Amino acid sequence: MNKNDSFRKFILLLLCFAFLPSVFSADQLTFHTDGETLTVIGCDKNASGEIVIPSKHNGKQVTSIGYAAFFMCTSISSVKIPQGVKNIGRHSFSGCSSLKKVTIPNSVSKIDGGAFSHCSNLTSITIPESVTIIGSGAFSHCGNLTSITILESVISIGERVF
């Protein structure tokens, strides 16, 4: 292999990394970016108490909570989702057994399947009028859920939501 071949491979490798989406952390959260917006894709499993998801990080808007982002974060008691988030992903808060309070902003249009399943301490939830879709099993196995407000804006409710 000559110097030109090595240089070409190096440039090719740099180009590959330049087009990969970035993943980075802020406090206890991990984000993924498509270049313009952010998705929360993970949380430190040792996180506890109230989690406040920022509306922006490094100048980029947080627009969604990704698949299983908070899965089994059993010590989280409260989550505040910021205005601007449009989608709460599949199983994003599944297994958060200490979760008692969730604030969902009016920007959310979809709550995917299993999003809050197995949140055994969740007692009430208000679905804002911006939500049009609630996926299958979104609140399944939430044994203490005694109050839920769903407005007429919801046009699709999956199977076994509760």
N, C-alpha and C. Protein backbone atom coordinates (compact mmCIF):
# COMPACT_ATOMS: atom_id res chain seq x y z
N MET A 1 0.86 -1.17 0.00
CA MET A 1 0.00 0.00 0.00
C MET A 1 0.90 1.24 0.00
N ASN A 2 0.66 2.12 -0.92
CA ASN A 2 1.47 3.34 -0.97
C ASN A 2 0.79 4.47 -0.20
N LYS A 3 1.46 5.62 -0.14
CA LYS A 3 0.94 6.76 0.62
C LYS A 3 -0.38 7.27 0.05
N ASN A 4 -0.56 7.25 -1.26
CA ASN A 4 -1.80 7.70 -1.88
C ASN A 4 -2.98 6.83 -1.46
N ASP A 5 -2.78 5.50 -1.42
CA ASP A 5 -3.85 4.59 -1.00
C ASP A 5 -4.22 4.82 0.46
N SER A 6 -3.23 5.02 1.31
CA SER A 6 -3.49 5.29 2.72
C SER A 6 -4.25 6.60 2.90
N PHE A 7 -3.83 7.61 2.14
CA PHE A 7 -4.49 8.91 2.22
C PHE A 7 -5.94 8.80 1.75
N ARG A 8 -6.19 8.08 0.67
CA ARG A 8 -7.56 7.89 0.16
C ARG A 8 -8.44 7.19 1.18
N LYS A 9 -7.90 6.16 1.81
CA LYS A 9 -8.67 5.43 2.84
C LYS A 9 -8.97 6.34 4.03
N PHE A 10 -8.00 7.17 4.40
CA PHE A 10 -8.20 8.10 5.49
C PHE A 10 -9.32 9.10 5.15
N ILE A 11 -9.28 9.67 3.95
CA ILE A 11 -10.31 10.62 3.50
C ILE A 11 -11.67 9.94 3.46
N LEU A 12 -11.74 8.72 2.93
CA LEU A 12 -12.99 7.97 2.87
C LEU A 12 -13.55 7.74 4.28
N LEU A 13 -12.68 7.39 5.20
CA LEU A 13 -13.10 7.18 6.59
C LEU A 13 -13.64 8.47 7.19
N LEU A 14 -12.96 9.59 6.95
CA LEU A 14 -13.43 10.88 7.45
C LEU A 14 -14.80 11.23 6.87
N LEU A 15 -14.98 10.99 5.59
CA LEU A 15 -16.27 11.27 4.96
C LEU A 15 -17.38 10.42 5.56
N CYS A 16 -17.09 9.17 5.84
CA CYS A 16 -18.09 8.28 6.47
C CYS A 16 -18.52 8.83 7.82
N PHE A 17 -17.56 9.25 8.63
CA PHE A 17 -17.91 9.78 9.95
C PHE A 17 -18.60 11.13 9.86
N ALA A 18 -18.30 11.90 8.84
CA ALA A 18 -18.92 13.21 8.69
C ALA A 18 -20.42 13.11 8.44
N PHE A 19 -20.86 12.00 7.85
CA PHE A 19 -22.28 11.86 7.53
C PHE A 19 -23.04 10.99 8.52
N LEU A 20 -22.38 10.51 9.55
CA LEU A 20 -23.07 9.75 10.59
C LEU A 20 -23.79 10.72 11.51
N PRO A 21 -25.02 10.37 11.95
CA PRO A 21 -25.70 11.24 12.91
C PRO A 21 -24.92 11.30 14.22
N SER A 22 -24.98 12.42 14.89
CA SER A 22 -24.26 12.58 16.15
C SER A 22 -25.08 12.06 17.32
N VAL A 23 -24.40 11.54 18.32
CA VAL A 23 -25.01 11.12 19.57
C VAL A 23 -24.20 11.77 20.68
N PHE A 24 -24.86 12.43 21.61
CA PHE A 24 -24.15 13.08 22.69
C PHE A 24 -25.02 13.13 23.94
N SER A 25 -24.39 13.42 25.06
CA SER A 25 -25.09 13.40 26.34
C SER A 25 -25.14 14.78 26.96
N ALA A 26 -26.18 15.02 27.72
CA ALA A 26 -26.31 16.23 28.52
C ALA A 26 -26.88 15.78 29.85
N ASP A 27 -26.11 15.96 30.88
CA ASP A 27 -26.51 15.50 32.22
C ASP A 27 -26.77 14.00 32.16
N GLN A 28 -28.02 13.59 32.37
CA GLN A 28 -28.35 12.17 32.42
C GLN A 28 -29.02 11.67 31.15
N LEU A 29 -29.12 12.52 30.12
CA LEU A 29 -29.81 12.16 28.89
C LEU A 29 -28.84 11.98 27.74
N THR A 30 -29.22 11.11 26.81
CA THR A 30 -28.44 10.91 25.59
C THR A 30 -29.33 11.31 24.42
N PHE A 31 -28.75 12.02 23.46
CA PHE A 31 -29.50 12.53 22.32
C PHE A 31 -28.95 11.99 21.01
N HIS A 32 -29.79 11.96 20.02
CA HIS A 32 -29.41 11.63 18.65
C HIS A 32 -29.88 12.81 17.80
N THR A 33 -29.04 13.19 16.83
CA THR A 33 -29.45 14.29 15.97
C THR A 33 -29.45 13.85 14.51
N ASP A 34 -30.38 14.41 13.78
CA ASP A 34 -30.41 14.21 12.33
C ASP A 34 -29.71 15.37 11.64
N GLY A 35 -29.09 16.21 12.43
CA GLY A 35 -28.41 17.39 11.92
C GLY A 35 -29.11 18.68 12.30
N GLU A 36 -30.44 18.63 12.41
CA GLU A 36 -31.20 19.83 12.73
C GLU A 36 -31.98 19.73 14.03
N THR A 37 -32.50 18.55 14.34
CA THR A 37 -33.29 18.36 15.55
C THR A 37 -32.72 17.22 16.38
N LEU A 38 -33.26 17.09 17.59
CA LEU A 38 -32.78 16.06 18.51
C LEU A 38 -33.90 15.12 18.92
N THR A 39 -33.50 13.87 19.19
CA THR A 39 -34.37 12.86 19.79
C THR A 39 -33.68 12.38 21.05
N VAL A 40 -34.41 12.31 22.16
CA VAL A 40 -33.85 11.71 23.38
C VAL A 40 -33.85 10.20 23.15
N ILE A 41 -32.68 9.58 23.25
CA ILE A 41 -32.59 8.14 22.99
C ILE A 41 -32.18 7.33 24.21
N GLY A 42 -31.84 8.00 25.30
CA GLY A 42 -31.43 7.26 26.48
C GLY A 42 -31.35 8.12 27.71
N CYS A 43 -31.35 7.43 28.85
CA CYS A 43 -31.26 8.08 30.14
C CYS A 43 -30.42 7.21 31.06
N ASP A 44 -29.64 7.82 31.90
CA ASP A 44 -28.86 7.08 32.88
C ASP A 44 -29.82 6.27 33.74
N LYS A 45 -29.63 4.98 33.80
CA LYS A 45 -30.53 4.09 34.56
C LYS A 45 -30.53 4.40 36.05
N ASN A 46 -29.55 5.15 36.53
CA ASN A 46 -29.50 5.54 37.94
C ASN A 46 -30.20 6.87 38.21
N ALA A 47 -30.76 7.48 37.16
CA ALA A 47 -31.47 8.75 37.33
C ALA A 47 -32.63 8.57 38.29
N SER A 48 -32.89 9.60 39.09
CA SER A 48 -34.00 9.51 40.04
C SER A 48 -34.66 10.88 40.20
N GLY A 49 -35.87 10.85 40.78
CA GLY A 49 -36.59 12.09 41.01
C GLY A 49 -37.21 12.63 39.74
N GLU A 50 -37.20 13.97 39.62
CA GLU A 50 -37.81 14.62 38.47
C GLU A 50 -36.82 14.76 37.33
N ILE A 51 -37.27 14.41 36.14
CA ILE A 51 -36.47 14.60 34.93
C ILE A 51 -37.14 15.72 34.14
N VAL A 52 -36.38 16.74 33.82
CA VAL A 52 -36.87 17.83 32.98
C VAL A 52 -36.09 17.74 31.67
N ILE A 53 -36.79 17.36 30.62
CA ILE A 53 -36.15 17.25 29.31
C ILE A 53 -36.02 18.67 28.75
N PRO A 54 -34.83 19.07 28.34
CA PRO A 54 -34.68 20.42 27.82
C PRO A 54 -35.37 20.58 26.46
N SER A 55 -35.83 21.78 26.15
CA SER A 55 -36.45 22.01 24.85
C SER A 55 -35.39 22.14 23.76
N LYS A 56 -34.20 22.58 24.16
CA LYS A 56 -33.08 22.69 23.23
C LYS A 56 -31.81 22.21 23.91
N HIS A 57 -30.90 21.72 23.09
CA HIS A 57 -29.58 21.34 23.59
C HIS A 57 -28.58 21.67 22.48
N ASN A 58 -27.54 22.37 22.83
CA ASN A 58 -26.54 22.80 21.85
C ASN A 58 -27.18 23.51 20.65
N GLY A 59 -28.22 24.30 20.92
CA GLY A 59 -28.87 25.07 19.88
C GLY A 59 -29.84 24.31 19.00
N LYS A 60 -30.07 23.02 19.29
CA LYS A 60 -30.97 22.21 18.48
C LYS A 60 -32.23 21.87 19.26
N GLN A 61 -33.37 21.90 18.59
CA GLN A 61 -34.68 21.64 19.18
C GLN A 61 -34.87 20.14 19.46
N VAL A 62 -35.33 19.81 20.65
CA VAL A 62 -35.70 18.43 20.98
C VAL A 62 -37.11 18.21 20.44
N THR A 63 -37.27 17.25 19.52
CA THR A 63 -38.56 17.05 18.86
C THR A 63 -39.20 15.69 19.14
N SER A 64 -38.46 14.76 19.74
CA SER A 64 -39.09 13.47 20.05
C SER A 64 -38.36 12.73 21.17
N ILE A 65 -39.13 11.80 21.75
CA ILE A 65 -38.58 10.88 22.75
C ILE A 65 -38.51 9.54 22.02
N GLY A 66 -37.34 8.99 21.90
CA GLY A 66 -37.12 7.80 21.09
C GLY A 66 -37.53 6.49 21.75
N TYR A 67 -37.44 5.43 20.97
CA TYR A 67 -37.77 4.07 21.39
C TYR A 67 -37.02 3.72 22.67
N ALA A 68 -37.77 3.35 23.71
CA ALA A 68 -37.24 2.87 24.98
C ALA A 68 -36.21 3.80 25.62
N ALA A 69 -36.32 5.09 25.39
CA ALA A 69 -35.35 6.06 25.90
C ALA A 69 -35.20 6.01 27.43
N PHE A 70 -36.31 5.82 28.14
CA PHE A 70 -36.29 5.78 29.60
C PHE A 70 -36.66 4.39 30.13
N PHE A 71 -36.60 3.40 29.29
CA PHE A 71 -37.00 2.03 29.64
C PHE A 71 -36.32 1.58 30.93
N MET A 72 -37.15 1.16 31.88
CA MET A 72 -36.70 0.63 33.17
C MET A 72 -35.90 1.62 34.02
N CYS A 73 -36.13 2.89 33.86
CA CYS A 73 -35.54 3.88 34.77
C CYS A 73 -36.47 3.92 35.98
N THR A 74 -36.29 2.98 36.86
CA THR A 74 -37.24 2.70 37.94
C THR A 74 -37.28 3.73 39.06
N SER A 75 -36.35 4.67 39.10
CA SER A 75 -36.34 5.66 40.19
C SER A 75 -36.84 7.03 39.77
N ILE A 76 -37.27 7.17 38.52
CA ILE A 76 -37.80 8.45 38.06
C ILE A 76 -39.22 8.61 38.58
N SER A 77 -39.52 9.74 39.24
CA SER A 77 -40.86 9.96 39.79
C SER A 77 -41.70 10.93 38.97
N SER A 78 -41.03 11.78 38.18
CA SER A 78 -41.75 12.80 37.42
C SER A 78 -40.97 13.13 36.15
N VAL A 79 -41.71 13.36 35.07
CA VAL A 79 -41.08 13.74 33.80
C VAL A 79 -41.81 14.94 33.22
N LYS A 80 -41.05 15.95 32.87
CA LYS A 80 -41.62 17.12 32.20
C LYS A 80 -41.08 17.14 30.77
N ILE A 81 -41.99 16.92 29.81
CA ILE A 81 -41.64 16.91 28.40
C ILE A 81 -41.84 18.33 27.88
N PRO A 82 -40.86 18.88 27.17
CA PRO A 82 -40.96 20.29 26.74
C PRO A 82 -41.85 20.50 25.52
N GLN A 83 -42.33 21.72 25.40
CA GLN A 83 -43.04 22.16 24.21
C GLN A 83 -42.09 21.98 23.02
N GLY A 84 -42.60 21.47 21.93
CA GLY A 84 -41.78 21.23 20.74
C GLY A 84 -41.62 19.75 20.45
N VAL A 85 -41.77 18.92 21.49
CA VAL A 85 -41.71 17.47 21.27
C VAL A 85 -43.01 17.05 20.58
N LYS A 86 -42.89 16.31 19.48
CA LYS A 86 -44.05 15.91 18.68
C LYS A 86 -44.44 14.46 18.87
N ASN A 87 -43.48 13.62 19.23
CA ASN A 87 -43.74 12.19 19.33
C ASN A 87 -43.11 11.59 20.58
N ILE A 88 -43.90 10.76 21.27
CA ILE A 88 -43.39 9.98 22.40
C ILE A 88 -43.31 8.55 21.88
N GLY A 89 -42.10 8.05 21.71
CA GLY A 89 -41.84 6.79 21.04
C GLY A 89 -42.28 5.54 21.79
N ARG A 90 -42.24 4.42 21.05
CA ARG A 90 -42.62 3.11 21.59
C ARG A 90 -41.79 2.79 22.84
N HIS A 91 -42.48 2.36 23.85
CA HIS A 91 -41.87 1.91 25.11
C HIS A 91 -40.91 2.92 25.73
N SER A 92 -41.09 4.20 25.39
CA SER A 92 -40.15 5.22 25.85
C SER A 92 -40.06 5.32 27.38
N PHE A 93 -41.16 5.12 28.09
CA PHE A 93 -41.15 5.19 29.56
C PHE A 93 -41.58 3.86 30.17
N SER A 94 -41.61 2.83 29.39
CA SER A 94 -42.05 1.51 29.87
C SER A 94 -41.18 1.03 31.02
N GLY A 95 -41.84 0.55 32.06
CA GLY A 95 -41.12 0.01 33.21
C GLY A 95 -40.64 1.05 34.21
N CYS A 96 -41.04 2.29 34.05
CA CYS A 96 -40.66 3.34 35.01
C CYS A 96 -41.63 3.22 36.19
N SER A 97 -41.38 2.26 37.03
CA SER A 97 -42.33 1.87 38.08
C SER A 97 -42.56 2.94 39.15
N SER A 98 -41.67 3.90 39.31
CA SER A 98 -41.87 4.97 40.29
C SER A 98 -42.51 6.22 39.68
N LEU A 99 -42.72 6.21 38.39
CA LEU A 99 -43.26 7.39 37.70
C LEU A 99 -44.68 7.69 38.17
N LYS A 100 -44.87 8.90 38.74
CA LYS A 100 -46.17 9.31 39.25
C LYS A 100 -46.79 10.42 38.41
N LYS A 101 -45.94 11.27 37.82
CA LYS A 101 -46.45 12.44 37.12
C LYS A 101 -45.72 12.64 35.79
N VAL A 102 -46.51 12.89 34.74
CA VAL A 102 -45.97 13.18 33.42
C VAL A 102 -46.65 14.43 32.89
N THR A 103 -45.87 15.38 32.43
CA THR A 103 -46.41 16.57 31.81
C THR A 103 -46.18 16.46 30.31
N ILE A 104 -47.29 16.35 29.55
CA ILE A 104 -47.23 16.23 28.10
C ILE A 104 -47.67 17.56 27.50
N PRO A 105 -46.80 18.18 26.69
CA PRO A 105 -47.15 19.49 26.12
C PRO A 105 -48.11 19.39 24.93
N ASN A 106 -48.67 20.51 24.55
CA ASN A 106 -49.60 20.60 23.43
C ASN A 106 -48.96 20.40 22.07
N SER A 107 -47.67 20.18 22.01
CA SER A 107 -47.01 19.94 20.73
C SER A 107 -47.02 18.47 20.35
N VAL A 108 -47.25 17.58 21.31
CA VAL A 108 -47.23 16.13 21.04
C VAL A 108 -48.46 15.74 20.24
N SER A 109 -48.24 15.03 19.13
CA SER A 109 -49.35 14.57 18.30
C SER A 109 -49.53 13.06 18.36
N LYS A 110 -48.50 12.34 18.80
CA LYS A 110 -48.58 10.88 18.81
C LYS A 110 -47.90 10.30 20.05
N ILE A 111 -48.61 9.37 20.70
CA ILE A 111 -48.05 8.59 21.81
C ILE A 111 -48.01 7.15 21.30
N ASP A 112 -46.82 6.66 21.03
CA ASP A 112 -46.67 5.33 20.44
C ASP A 112 -46.99 4.20 21.42
N GLY A 113 -47.14 3.03 20.86
CA GLY A 113 -47.48 1.83 21.62
C GLY A 113 -46.53 1.57 22.78
N GLY A 114 -47.11 1.20 23.91
CA GLY A 114 -46.34 0.84 25.09
C GLY A 114 -45.58 1.98 25.73
N ALA A 115 -45.82 3.21 25.31
CA ALA A 115 -45.03 4.35 25.77
C ALA A 115 -44.95 4.45 27.30
N PHE A 116 -46.06 4.20 27.99
CA PHE A 116 -46.08 4.29 29.45
C PHE A 116 -46.50 2.96 30.09
N SER A 117 -46.32 1.87 29.38
CA SER A 117 -46.72 0.58 29.94
C SER A 117 -45.87 0.23 31.16
N HIS A 118 -46.49 -0.44 32.10
CA HIS A 118 -45.82 -0.90 33.33
C HIS A 118 -45.32 0.26 34.20
N CYS A 119 -46.00 1.40 34.13
CA CYS A 119 -45.72 2.51 35.04
C CYS A 119 -46.72 2.39 36.18
N SER A 120 -46.42 1.51 37.10
CA SER A 120 -47.38 1.09 38.13
C SER A 120 -47.78 2.18 39.11
N ASN A 121 -47.03 3.26 39.24
CA ASN A 121 -47.39 4.34 40.16
C ASN A 121 -48.06 5.53 39.49
N LEU A 122 -48.24 5.46 38.18
CA LEU A 122 -48.91 6.53 37.45
C LEU A 122 -50.40 6.49 37.80
N THR A 123 -50.91 7.59 38.35
CA THR A 123 -52.31 7.59 38.81
C THR A 123 -53.24 8.38 37.91
N SER A 124 -52.71 9.39 37.21
CA SER A 124 -53.57 10.17 36.31
C SER A 124 -52.73 10.70 35.16
N ILE A 125 -53.42 10.95 34.06
CA ILE A 125 -52.75 11.49 32.87
C ILE A 125 -53.75 12.33 32.11
N THR A 126 -53.26 13.43 31.56
CA THR A 126 -54.08 14.27 30.70
C THR A 126 -53.43 14.28 29.32
N ILE A 127 -54.21 13.84 28.34
CA ILE A 127 -53.74 13.82 26.96
C ILE A 127 -54.12 15.16 26.34
N PRO A 128 -53.16 15.97 25.92
CA PRO A 128 -53.50 17.28 25.36
C PRO A 128 -54.24 17.16 24.02
N GLU A 129 -54.93 18.22 23.64
CA GLU A 129 -55.75 18.20 22.43
C GLU A 129 -54.92 18.04 21.16
N SER A 130 -53.63 18.24 21.22
CA SER A 130 -52.77 18.07 20.05
C SER A 130 -52.58 16.60 19.67
N VAL A 131 -52.80 15.69 20.63
CA VAL A 131 -52.61 14.26 20.37
C VAL A 131 -53.74 13.72 19.51
N THR A 132 -53.37 13.07 18.42
CA THR A 132 -54.37 12.46 17.54
C THR A 132 -54.27 10.94 17.53
N ILE A 133 -53.13 10.39 17.95
CA ILE A 133 -52.92 8.94 17.91
C ILE A 133 -52.36 8.47 19.25
N ILE A 134 -53.01 7.42 19.80
CA ILE A 134 -52.49 6.73 20.98
C ILE A 134 -52.31 5.28 20.57
N GLY A 135 -51.08 4.81 20.60
CA GLY A 135 -50.74 3.47 20.14
C GLY A 135 -51.17 2.36 21.09
N SER A 136 -51.17 1.15 20.57
CA SER A 136 -51.56 -0.05 21.33
C SER A 136 -50.76 -0.17 22.62
N GLY A 137 -51.46 -0.47 23.69
CA GLY A 137 -50.82 -0.71 24.97
C GLY A 137 -50.09 0.47 25.57
N ALA A 138 -50.39 1.68 25.12
CA ALA A 138 -49.65 2.86 25.59
C ALA A 138 -49.65 2.99 27.11
N PHE A 139 -50.76 2.61 27.77
CA PHE A 139 -50.86 2.70 29.23
C PHE A 139 -51.21 1.34 29.84
N SER A 140 -50.82 0.28 29.18
CA SER A 140 -51.14 -1.06 29.69
C SER A 140 -50.33 -1.34 30.96
N HIS A 141 -50.92 -2.12 31.83
CA HIS A 141 -50.28 -2.53 33.10
C HIS A 141 -49.95 -1.35 34.00
N CYS A 142 -50.79 -0.33 33.95
CA CYS A 142 -50.67 0.82 34.87
C CYS A 142 -51.79 0.65 35.89
N GLY A 143 -51.60 -0.25 36.83
CA GLY A 143 -52.62 -0.66 37.77
C GLY A 143 -53.21 0.44 38.64
N ASN A 144 -52.48 1.51 38.86
CA ASN A 144 -52.97 2.61 39.70
C ASN A 144 -53.53 3.78 38.90
N LEU A 145 -53.60 3.64 37.58
CA LEU A 145 -54.12 4.71 36.74
C LEU A 145 -55.64 4.78 36.93
N THR A 146 -56.08 5.82 37.63
CA THR A 146 -57.51 5.95 37.94
C THR A 146 -58.17 7.12 37.23
N SER A 147 -57.35 8.02 36.64
CA SER A 147 -57.92 9.18 35.96
C SER A 147 -57.15 9.45 34.68
N ILE A 148 -57.90 9.49 33.58
CA ILE A 148 -57.29 9.83 32.30
C ILE A 148 -58.25 10.73 31.54
N THR A 149 -57.71 11.79 30.99
CA THR A 149 -58.51 12.72 30.21
C THR A 149 -58.05 12.63 28.76
N ILE A 150 -58.99 12.23 27.90
CA ILE A 150 -58.72 12.15 26.46
C ILE A 150 -59.72 13.05 25.76
N LEU A 151 -59.22 13.97 24.97
CA LEU A 151 -60.09 14.90 24.28
C LEU A 151 -60.51 14.35 22.91
N GLU A 152 -61.48 15.02 22.30
CA GLU A 152 -62.03 14.57 21.03
C GLU A 152 -61.04 14.61 19.88
N SER A 153 -59.92 15.23 20.07
CA SER A 153 -58.92 15.33 19.00
C SER A 153 -58.29 13.97 18.67
N VAL A 154 -58.35 13.04 19.61
CA VAL A 154 -57.78 11.70 19.37
C VAL A 154 -58.66 10.98 18.37
N ILE A 155 -58.05 10.62 17.22
CA ILE A 155 -58.82 9.94 16.17
C ILE A 155 -58.47 8.46 16.04
N SER A 156 -57.39 8.05 16.72
CA SER A 156 -56.99 6.64 16.65
C SER A 156 -56.47 6.19 18.01
N ILE A 157 -57.09 5.15 18.55
CA ILE A 157 -56.65 4.55 19.81
C ILE A 157 -56.41 3.08 19.53
N GLY A 158 -55.20 2.63 19.79
CA GLY A 158 -54.81 1.25 19.54
C GLY A 158 -55.48 0.27 20.47
N GLU A 159 -55.18 -1.00 20.26
CA GLU A 159 -55.73 -2.07 21.08
C GLU A 159 -55.10 -2.06 22.47
N ARG A 160 -55.88 -2.49 23.44
CA ARG A 160 -55.41 -2.68 24.82
C ARG A 160 -54.56 -1.50 25.32
N VAL A 161 -55.04 -0.29 25.09
CA VAL A 161 -54.32 0.90 25.51
C VAL A 161 -54.18 0.93 27.03
N PHE A 162 -55.24 0.48 27.73
CA PHE A 162 -55.21 0.52 29.20
C PHE A 162 -55.17 -0.87 29.78
